[in-house]
């Protein structure tokens, strides 16, 4: 006996279309506010030169977890710098730092 096919793709497209038509302006406003916050934090992170940020990260890792993690963190960040991905890494860090302001249930 064959199972009936459910048109999940069509239902999903209709639901997303309805949400966009109904709440699009509101969601766009929230998106712009969040993007502004993320851009601001990224700019703040990029104010300090990468060697200073690297030293701060190594010091924090040393304090929290010891010499091994500090060494690994320093080497990993040097790889990021050597690949010329520092700005992208700071953008990712800004995303992490600007996550929801309330703690998750797991924390």
C-alpha atoms as a PDB file:
ATOM      1  CA  UNK A   1       0.000   0.000   0.000  1.00  0.00           C
ATOM      2  CA  UNK A   2       1.465   3.324  -1.079  1.00  0.00           C
ATOM      3  CA  UNK A   3       1.556   6.246   1.273  1.00  0.00           C
ATOM      4  CA  UNK A   4      -0.303   9.358   0.148  1.00  0.00           C
ATOM      5  CA  UNK A   5       1.874  12.191  -1.101  1.00  0.00           C
ATOM      6  CA  UNK A   6       1.710  15.411   0.832  1.00  0.00           C
ATOM      7  CA  UNK A   7       2.376  18.620  -1.110  1.00  0.00           C
ATOM      8  CA  UNK A   8       4.769  19.957   1.547  1.00  0.00           C
ATOM      9  CA  UNK A   9       6.697  22.039  -0.974  1.00  0.00           C
ATOM     10  CA  UNK A  10       3.561  23.900  -2.060  1.00  0.00           C
ATOM     11  CA  UNK A  11       2.353  24.358   1.519  1.00  0.00           C
ATOM     12  CA  UNK A  12       5.738  25.708   2.556  1.00  0.00           C
ATOM     13  CA  UNK A  13       5.876  28.141  -0.364  1.00  0.00           C
ATOM     14  CA  UNK A  14       2.377  29.363   0.448  1.00  0.00           C
ATOM     15  CA  UNK A  15       3.187  29.807   4.145  1.00  0.00           C
ATOM     16  CA  UNK A  16       6.406  31.716   3.410  1.00  0.00           C
ATOM     17  CA  UNK A  17       4.575  33.880   0.879  1.00  0.00           C
ATOM     18  CA  UNK A  18       1.826  34.684   3.377  1.00  0.00           C
ATOM     19  CA  UNK A  19       4.327  35.544   6.122  1.00  0.00           C
ATOM     20  CA  UNK A  20       6.232  37.817   3.724  1.00  0.00           C
ATOM     21  CA  UNK A  21       3.080  39.565   2.544  1.00  0.00           C
ATOM     22  CA  UNK A  22       1.655  39.952   6.045  1.00  0.00           C
ATOM     23  CA  UNK A  23       4.721  40.772   8.129  1.00  0.00           C
ATOM     24  CA  UNK A  24       7.266  41.798   5.481  1.00  0.00           C
ATOM     25  CA  UNK A  25       7.624  45.434   6.532  1.00  0.00           C
ATOM     26  CA  UNK A  26       7.947  44.545  10.210  1.00  0.00           C
ATOM     27  CA  UNK A  27      10.506  41.820   9.513  1.00  0.00           C
ATOM     28  CA  UNK A  28      12.490  44.151   7.226  1.00  0.00           C
ATOM     29  CA  UNK A  29      12.670  46.685  10.053  1.00  0.00           C
ATOM     30  CA  UNK A  30      13.923  44.081  12.493  1.00  0.00           C
ATOM     31  CA  UNK A  31      16.453  42.898   9.924  1.00  0.00           C
ATOM     32  CA  UNK A  32      17.791  46.424   9.398  1.00  0.00           C
ATOM     33  CA  UNK A  33      18.102  46.995  13.154  1.00  0.00           C
ATOM     34  CA  UNK A  34      19.952  43.722  13.693  1.00  0.00           C
ATOM     35  CA  UNK A  35      22.236  44.378  10.720  1.00  0.00           C
ATOM     36  CA  UNK A  36      23.051  47.851  12.057  1.00  0.00           C
ATOM     37  CA  UNK A  37      23.958  46.348  15.433  1.00  0.00           C
ATOM     38  CA  UNK A  38      26.158  43.666  13.855  1.00  0.00           C
ATOM     39  CA  UNK A  39      27.897  46.232  11.633  1.00  0.00           C
ATOM     40  CA  UNK A  40      28.578  48.452  14.648  1.00  0.00           C
ATOM     41  CA  UNK A  41      30.086  45.623  16.684  1.00  0.00           C
ATOM     42  CA  UNK A  42      32.191  44.567  13.694  1.00  0.00           C
ATOM     43  CA  UNK A  43      33.531  48.103  13.326  1.00  0.00           C
ATOM     44  CA  UNK A  44      34.364  48.199  17.046  1.00  0.00           C
ATOM     45  CA  UNK A  45      36.254  44.912  16.767  1.00  0.00           C
ATOM     46  CA  UNK A  46      38.191  46.212  13.769  1.00  0.00           C
ATOM     47  CA  UNK A  47      39.266  49.375  15.622  1.00  0.00           C
ATOM     48  CA  UNK A  48      41.986  47.439  17.416  1.00  0.00           C
ATOM     49  CA  UNK A  49      44.819  46.162  15.207  1.00  0.00           C
ATOM     50  CA  UNK A  50      44.924  42.399  14.763  1.00  0.00           C
ATOM     51  CA  UNK A  51      48.060  41.881  16.916  1.00  0.00           C
ATOM     52  CA  UNK A  52      46.288  43.472  19.900  1.00  0.00           C
ATOM     53  CA  UNK A  53      43.162  41.350  19.381  1.00  0.00           C
ATOM     54  CA  UNK A  54      45.329  38.243  18.991  1.00  0.00           C
ATOM     55  CA  UNK A  55      47.117  38.970  22.275  1.00  0.00           C
ATOM     56  CA  UNK A  56      43.798  39.599  24.043  1.00  0.00           C
ATOM     57  CA  UNK A  57      42.424  36.288  22.740  1.00  0.00           C
ATOM     58  CA  UNK A  58      45.554  34.403  23.788  1.00  0.00           C
ATOM     59  CA  UNK A  59      45.465  35.994  27.250  1.00  0.00           C
ATOM     60  CA  UNK A  60      41.776  35.119  27.667  1.00  0.00           C
ATOM     61  CA  UNK A  61      42.377  31.527  26.532  1.00  0.00           C
ATOM     62  CA  UNK A  62      45.337  31.197  28.910  1.00  0.00           C
ATOM     63  CA  UNK A  63      43.272  32.497  31.817  1.00  0.00           C
ATOM     64  CA  UNK A  64      40.266  30.294  31.089  1.00  0.00           C
ATOM     65  CA  UNK A  65      41.874  27.035  29.933  1.00  0.00           C
ATOM     66  CA  UNK A  66      45.641  27.195  30.264  1.00  0.00           C
ATOM     67  CA  UNK A  67      48.719  27.235  28.092  1.00  0.00           C
ATOM     68  CA  UNK A  68      47.594  24.613  25.553  1.00  0.00           C
ATOM     69  CA  UNK A  69      44.468  26.427  24.441  1.00  0.00           C
ATOM     70  CA  UNK A  70      46.319  29.750  24.475  1.00  0.00           C
ATOM     71  CA  UNK A  71      48.961  28.355  22.109  1.00  0.00           C
ATOM     72  CA  UNK A  72      46.323  26.789  19.863  1.00  0.00           C
ATOM     73  CA  UNK A  73      44.289  30.021  19.808  1.00  0.00           C
ATOM     74  CA  UNK A  74      47.323  32.090  18.901  1.00  0.00           C
ATOM     75  CA  UNK A  75      48.335  29.741  16.089  1.00  0.00           C
ATOM     76  CA  UNK A  76      44.782  29.519  14.759  1.00  0.00           C
ATOM     77  CA  UNK A  77      44.440  33.303  14.682  1.00  0.00           C
ATOM     78  CA  UNK A  78      47.804  33.596  12.916  1.00  0.00           C
ATOM     79  CA  UNK A  79      46.427  31.268  10.241  1.00  0.00           C
ATOM     80  CA  UNK A  80      43.360  33.513   9.930  1.00  0.00           C
ATOM     81  CA  UNK A  81      45.652  36.530   9.488  1.00  0.00           C
ATOM     82  CA  UNK A  82      47.876  34.732   6.980  1.00  0.00           C
ATOM     83  CA  UNK A  83      44.823  33.815   4.905  1.00  0.00           C
ATOM     84  CA  UNK A  84      43.762  37.487   5.003  1.00  0.00           C
ATOM     85  CA  UNK A  85      40.465  36.608   6.649  1.00  0.00           C
ATOM     86  CA  UNK A  86      40.722  38.871   9.679  1.00  0.00           C
ATOM     87  CA  UNK A  87      37.815  41.130   8.707  1.00  0.00           C
ATOM     88  CA  UNK A  88      35.588  38.141   8.005  1.00  0.00           C
ATOM     89  CA  UNK A  89      36.596  36.573  11.330  1.00  0.00           C
ATOM     90  CA  UNK A  90      35.685  39.773  13.171  1.00  0.00           C
ATOM     91  CA  UNK A  91      32.344  39.786  11.347  1.00  0.00           C
ATOM     92  CA  UNK A  92      31.705  36.246  12.558  1.00  0.00           C
ATOM     93  CA  UNK A  93      32.739  37.188  16.087  1.00  0.00           C
ATOM     94  CA  UNK A  94      30.315  40.137  15.916  1.00  0.00           C
ATOM     95  CA  UNK A  95      27.516  37.709  15.001  1.00  0.00           C
ATOM     96  CA  UNK A  96      28.363  35.566  18.019  1.00  0.00           C
ATOM     97  CA  UNK A  97      28.612  38.549  20.366  1.00  0.00           C
ATOM     98  CA  UNK A  98      25.297  40.052  19.220  1.00  0.00           C
ATOM     99  CA  UNK A  99      23.248  36.883  19.521  1.00  0.00           C
ATOM    100  CA  UNK A 100      20.041  36.993  21.528  1.00  0.00           C
ATOM    101  CA  UNK A 101      20.646  39.000  24.693  1.00  0.00           C
ATOM    102  CA  UNK A 102      18.883  36.513  26.945  1.00  0.00           C
ATOM    103  CA  UNK A 103      20.544  33.256  28.006  1.00  0.00           C
ATOM    104  CA  UNK A 104      19.497  30.059  26.305  1.00  0.00           C
ATOM    105  CA  UNK A 105      17.860  27.310  28.388  1.00  0.00           C
ATOM    106  CA  UNK A 106      21.029  25.237  28.050  1.00  0.00           C
ATOM    107  CA  UNK A 107      23.234  27.873  29.694  1.00  0.00           C
END
